[in-house]
């Protein structure tokens, strides 16, 4: 991952611009083209560096919150994780 990729991800997740053309604004901030922003985000998604593209809400600010845990046999962990990850509402899924 390049320094530019890291800067793009940082801007993307922490200060996504609320503009009519947000990707063009990200490009302006990083001194690159809008098409390069889109291409780099696509590459990062395909490489698995980005798990999903969409909003992440602060649960307490909208009055909801859910934390769920599953006890899964080790031999089924990958299968269950893959199933859980199919739900677009899930934005964090990890083993403890």
N, C-alpha and C. Protein backbone atom coordinates (compact mmCIF):
# COMPACT_ATOMS: atom_id res chain seq x y z
N UNK A 1 0.85 -1.17 0.00
CA UNK A 1 0.00 0.00 0.00
C UNK A 1 0.90 1.24 0.00
N UNK A 2 0.58 2.16 -0.86
CA UNK A 2 1.41 3.37 -1.00
C UNK A 2 0.99 4.45 0.01
N UNK A 3 1.83 5.46 0.13
CA UNK A 3 1.49 6.61 0.98
C UNK A 3 0.21 7.28 0.49
N UNK A 4 0.04 7.34 -0.84
CA UNK A 4 -1.16 7.94 -1.42
C UNK A 4 -2.39 7.11 -1.05
N UNK A 5 -2.27 5.79 -1.12
CA UNK A 5 -3.39 4.93 -0.72
C UNK A 5 -3.77 5.18 0.74
N UNK A 6 -2.77 5.29 1.60
CA UNK A 6 -3.03 5.54 3.02
C UNK A 6 -3.71 6.89 3.23
N UNK A 7 -3.25 7.92 2.51
CA UNK A 7 -3.86 9.24 2.61
C UNK A 7 -5.30 9.19 2.11
N UNK A 8 -5.52 8.48 1.01
CA UNK A 8 -6.86 8.35 0.46
C UNK A 8 -7.79 7.67 1.45
N UNK A 9 -7.34 6.57 2.03
CA UNK A 9 -8.17 5.85 3.00
C UNK A 9 -8.45 6.70 4.23
N UNK A 10 -7.45 7.42 4.69
CA UNK A 10 -7.64 8.28 5.86
C UNK A 10 -8.70 9.35 5.58
N UNK A 11 -8.58 10.02 4.44
CA UNK A 11 -9.57 11.04 4.08
C UNK A 11 -10.94 10.40 3.87
N UNK A 12 -10.96 9.23 3.25
CA UNK A 12 -12.20 8.55 2.91
C UNK A 12 -12.98 8.16 4.17
N UNK A 13 -12.29 7.65 5.17
CA UNK A 13 -13.00 7.15 6.35
C UNK A 13 -13.19 8.20 7.44
N UNK A 14 -12.39 9.23 7.46
CA UNK A 14 -12.48 10.21 8.55
C UNK A 14 -13.13 11.52 8.15
N UNK A 15 -12.98 11.90 6.90
CA UNK A 15 -13.48 13.22 6.49
C UNK A 15 -14.07 13.16 5.09
N UNK A 16 -14.94 12.18 4.85
CA UNK A 16 -15.54 12.06 3.52
C UNK A 16 -16.31 13.35 3.22
N UNK A 17 -15.97 14.00 2.12
CA UNK A 17 -16.57 15.30 1.82
C UNK A 17 -18.04 15.20 1.41
N UNK A 18 -18.86 16.05 1.97
CA UNK A 18 -20.28 16.10 1.61
C UNK A 18 -20.46 17.15 0.52
N UNK A 19 -20.12 16.76 -0.68
CA UNK A 19 -20.20 17.61 -1.86
C UNK A 19 -21.04 16.87 -2.91
N UNK A 20 -21.48 17.61 -3.93
CA UNK A 20 -22.21 16.99 -5.04
C UNK A 20 -21.34 15.93 -5.71
N UNK A 21 -20.04 16.17 -5.77
CA UNK A 21 -19.10 15.23 -6.37
C UNK A 21 -17.99 14.94 -5.36
N UNK A 22 -18.28 14.07 -4.37
CA UNK A 22 -17.31 13.85 -3.29
C UNK A 22 -15.99 13.24 -3.75
N UNK A 23 -16.02 12.38 -4.77
CA UNK A 23 -14.77 11.77 -5.24
C UNK A 23 -13.90 12.79 -5.95
N UNK A 24 -14.53 13.75 -6.62
CA UNK A 24 -13.78 14.83 -7.23
C UNK A 24 -13.13 15.70 -6.15
N UNK A 25 -13.83 15.90 -5.04
CA UNK A 25 -13.27 16.68 -3.94
C UNK A 25 -12.11 15.93 -3.27
N UNK A 26 -12.25 14.62 -3.08
CA UNK A 26 -11.13 13.84 -2.55
C UNK A 26 -9.93 13.96 -3.47
N UNK A 27 -10.17 13.89 -4.76
CA UNK A 27 -9.10 14.02 -5.75
C UNK A 27 -8.42 15.37 -5.62
N UNK A 28 -9.21 16.42 -5.48
CA UNK A 28 -8.65 17.76 -5.34
C UNK A 28 -7.77 17.84 -4.10
N UNK A 29 -8.24 17.28 -2.99
CA UNK A 29 -7.48 17.32 -1.74
C UNK A 29 -6.15 16.59 -1.85
N UNK A 30 -6.13 15.53 -2.66
CA UNK A 30 -4.93 14.70 -2.79
C UNK A 30 -4.10 15.03 -4.03
N UNK A 31 -4.55 16.02 -4.80
CA UNK A 31 -3.84 16.46 -6.02
C UNK A 31 -3.71 15.32 -7.05
N UNK A 32 -4.80 14.57 -7.21
CA UNK A 32 -4.85 13.53 -8.23
C UNK A 32 -6.18 13.66 -8.96
N UNK A 33 -6.40 12.85 -9.98
CA UNK A 33 -7.65 12.92 -10.73
C UNK A 33 -8.74 12.11 -10.04
N UNK A 34 -9.97 12.46 -10.36
CA UNK A 34 -11.11 11.73 -9.81
C UNK A 34 -11.07 10.27 -10.26
N UNK A 35 -10.69 10.03 -11.51
CA UNK A 35 -10.62 8.65 -11.99
C UNK A 35 -9.55 7.86 -11.24
N UNK A 36 -8.46 8.51 -10.83
CA UNK A 36 -7.44 7.81 -10.04
C UNK A 36 -7.97 7.46 -8.66
N UNK A 37 -8.74 8.36 -8.06
CA UNK A 37 -9.36 8.06 -6.76
C UNK A 37 -10.23 6.82 -6.89
N UNK A 38 -11.10 6.81 -7.90
CA UNK A 38 -12.01 5.68 -8.08
C UNK A 38 -11.26 4.39 -8.38
N UNK A 39 -10.22 4.48 -9.20
CA UNK A 39 -9.44 3.29 -9.54
C UNK A 39 -8.72 2.74 -8.32
N UNK A 40 -8.13 3.62 -7.52
CA UNK A 40 -7.41 3.17 -6.32
C UNK A 40 -8.37 2.55 -5.30
N UNK A 41 -9.55 3.14 -5.13
CA UNK A 41 -10.54 2.56 -4.22
C UNK A 41 -10.99 1.19 -4.70
N UNK A 42 -11.19 1.04 -6.00
CA UNK A 42 -11.56 -0.26 -6.56
C UNK A 42 -10.46 -1.29 -6.31
N UNK A 43 -9.22 -0.91 -6.53
CA UNK A 43 -8.09 -1.82 -6.30
C UNK A 43 -7.99 -2.21 -4.83
N UNK A 44 -8.18 -1.25 -3.94
CA UNK A 44 -8.13 -1.54 -2.51
C UNK A 44 -9.28 -2.47 -2.10
N UNK A 45 -10.45 -2.29 -2.69
CA UNK A 45 -11.58 -3.17 -2.42
C UNK A 45 -11.29 -4.57 -2.92
N UNK A 46 -10.77 -4.68 -4.14
CA UNK A 46 -10.47 -5.99 -4.72
C UNK A 46 -9.36 -6.71 -3.95
N UNK A 47 -8.43 -5.95 -3.38
CA UNK A 47 -7.33 -6.54 -2.61
C UNK A 47 -7.76 -6.93 -1.19
N UNK A 48 -8.97 -6.53 -0.81
CA UNK A 48 -9.45 -6.84 0.53
C UNK A 48 -9.04 -5.82 1.59
N UNK A 49 -8.42 -4.72 1.17
CA UNK A 49 -8.03 -3.68 2.12
C UNK A 49 -9.24 -2.88 2.60
N UNK A 50 -10.28 -2.84 1.78
CA UNK A 50 -11.55 -2.20 2.14
C UNK A 50 -12.58 -3.32 2.17
N UNK A 51 -13.25 -3.48 3.29
CA UNK A 51 -14.24 -4.57 3.40
C UNK A 51 -15.58 -4.17 2.83
N UNK A 52 -15.93 -2.91 2.93
CA UNK A 52 -17.20 -2.43 2.40
C UNK A 52 -17.11 -0.94 2.18
N UNK A 53 -17.96 -0.46 1.31
CA UNK A 53 -18.04 0.97 1.07
C UNK A 53 -19.45 1.40 1.46
N UNK A 54 -19.52 2.24 2.47
CA UNK A 54 -20.81 2.69 2.96
C UNK A 54 -20.62 3.40 4.28
N UNK A 55 -21.69 3.98 4.78
CA UNK A 55 -21.57 4.73 6.03
C UNK A 55 -21.39 3.82 7.23
N UNK A 56 -20.74 4.34 8.23
CA UNK A 56 -20.66 3.71 9.54
C UNK A 56 -21.17 4.76 10.52
N UNK A 57 -22.27 4.45 11.16
CA UNK A 57 -22.91 5.40 12.05
C UNK A 57 -22.37 5.28 13.47
N UNK A 58 -22.43 6.36 14.20
CA UNK A 58 -22.14 6.31 15.63
C UNK A 58 -23.44 5.87 16.30
N UNK A 59 -23.50 4.62 16.71
CA UNK A 59 -24.78 4.07 17.18
C UNK A 59 -25.47 4.90 18.25
N UNK A 60 -24.75 5.39 19.23
CA UNK A 60 -25.38 6.14 20.31
C UNK A 60 -26.02 7.43 19.83
N UNK A 61 -25.49 8.01 18.76
CA UNK A 61 -26.04 9.26 18.27
C UNK A 61 -27.36 9.06 17.53
N UNK A 62 -27.64 7.84 17.07
CA UNK A 62 -28.91 7.58 16.39
C UNK A 62 -29.82 6.69 17.24
N UNK A 63 -29.40 6.42 18.46
CA UNK A 63 -30.25 5.73 19.42
C UNK A 63 -30.30 4.22 19.29
N UNK A 64 -29.34 3.63 18.60
CA UNK A 64 -29.32 2.17 18.48
C UNK A 64 -27.90 1.66 18.62
N UNK A 65 -27.80 0.41 19.02
CA UNK A 65 -26.49 -0.22 19.10
C UNK A 65 -26.69 -1.71 19.25
N UNK A 66 -25.87 -2.48 18.59
CA UNK A 66 -25.95 -3.94 18.72
C UNK A 66 -24.55 -4.51 18.76
N UNK A 67 -24.32 -5.36 19.72
CA UNK A 67 -23.08 -6.12 19.80
C UNK A 67 -23.51 -7.57 19.95
N UNK A 68 -23.06 -8.40 19.04
CA UNK A 68 -23.44 -9.81 19.08
C UNK A 68 -22.19 -10.67 19.10
N UNK A 69 -22.28 -11.80 19.77
CA UNK A 69 -21.17 -12.75 19.83
C UNK A 69 -21.71 -14.14 19.50
N UNK A 70 -20.87 -14.93 18.88
CA UNK A 70 -21.23 -16.30 18.53
C UNK A 70 -20.16 -17.25 19.06
N UNK A 71 -20.59 -18.40 19.55
CA UNK A 71 -19.67 -19.47 19.91
C UNK A 71 -19.68 -20.44 18.73
N UNK A 72 -18.57 -20.52 18.03
CA UNK A 72 -18.49 -21.31 16.81
C UNK A 72 -17.36 -22.33 16.93
N UNK A 73 -17.62 -23.59 16.61
CA UNK A 73 -16.54 -24.57 16.62
C UNK A 73 -15.44 -24.15 15.64
N UNK A 74 -14.18 -24.32 16.00
CA UNK A 74 -13.07 -23.87 15.16
C UNK A 74 -13.15 -24.35 13.71
N UNK A 75 -13.62 -25.58 13.51
CA UNK A 75 -13.67 -26.11 12.16
C UNK A 75 -14.77 -25.46 11.31
N UNK A 76 -15.67 -24.71 11.92
CA UNK A 76 -16.74 -24.03 11.18
C UNK A 76 -16.55 -22.51 11.13
N UNK A 77 -15.48 -22.02 11.71
CA UNK A 77 -15.27 -20.58 11.84
C UNK A 77 -15.29 -19.86 10.48
N UNK A 78 -14.54 -20.35 9.52
CA UNK A 78 -14.48 -19.69 8.21
C UNK A 78 -15.85 -19.66 7.54
N UNK A 79 -16.58 -20.76 7.61
CA UNK A 79 -17.90 -20.85 6.98
C UNK A 79 -18.88 -19.88 7.64
N UNK A 80 -18.90 -19.84 8.95
CA UNK A 80 -19.81 -18.95 9.68
C UNK A 80 -19.42 -17.49 9.43
N UNK A 81 -18.13 -17.18 9.46
CA UNK A 81 -17.68 -15.81 9.21
C UNK A 81 -18.11 -15.36 7.81
N UNK A 82 -17.97 -16.23 6.82
CA UNK A 82 -18.37 -15.89 5.46
C UNK A 82 -19.87 -15.60 5.38
N UNK A 83 -20.67 -16.38 6.10
CA UNK A 83 -22.11 -16.16 6.12
C UNK A 83 -22.45 -14.83 6.78
N UNK A 84 -21.87 -14.56 7.94
CA UNK A 84 -22.13 -13.30 8.65
C UNK A 84 -21.73 -12.11 7.77
N UNK A 85 -20.63 -12.24 7.06
CA UNK A 85 -20.15 -11.14 6.21
C UNK A 85 -21.04 -10.86 5.01
N UNK A 86 -21.99 -11.74 4.70
CA UNK A 86 -22.89 -11.48 3.57
C UNK A 86 -23.94 -10.44 3.92
N UNK A 87 -24.12 -10.14 5.18
CA UNK A 87 -25.11 -9.15 5.60
C UNK A 87 -24.52 -7.75 5.51
N UNK A 88 -25.13 -6.88 4.69
CA UNK A 88 -24.57 -5.53 4.53
C UNK A 88 -24.61 -4.69 5.80
N UNK A 89 -25.44 -5.07 6.75
CA UNK A 89 -25.54 -4.32 8.01
C UNK A 89 -24.35 -4.56 8.92
N UNK A 90 -23.59 -5.61 8.68
CA UNK A 90 -22.45 -5.96 9.53
C UNK A 90 -21.23 -5.18 9.06
N UNK A 91 -20.67 -4.34 9.92
CA UNK A 91 -19.48 -3.60 9.51
C UNK A 91 -18.22 -4.01 10.26
N UNK A 92 -18.34 -4.85 11.27
CA UNK A 92 -17.18 -5.41 11.95
C UNK A 92 -17.47 -6.88 12.26
N UNK A 93 -16.53 -7.74 11.95
CA UNK A 93 -16.69 -9.16 12.24
C UNK A 93 -15.29 -9.73 12.44
N UNK A 94 -15.01 -10.18 13.66
CA UNK A 94 -13.66 -10.67 13.93
C UNK A 94 -13.69 -11.72 15.02
N UNK A 95 -12.62 -12.50 15.06
CA UNK A 95 -12.49 -13.58 16.05
C UNK A 95 -11.80 -13.05 17.30
N UNK A 96 -12.30 -13.48 18.45
CA UNK A 96 -11.65 -13.16 19.73
C UNK A 96 -11.26 -14.43 20.42
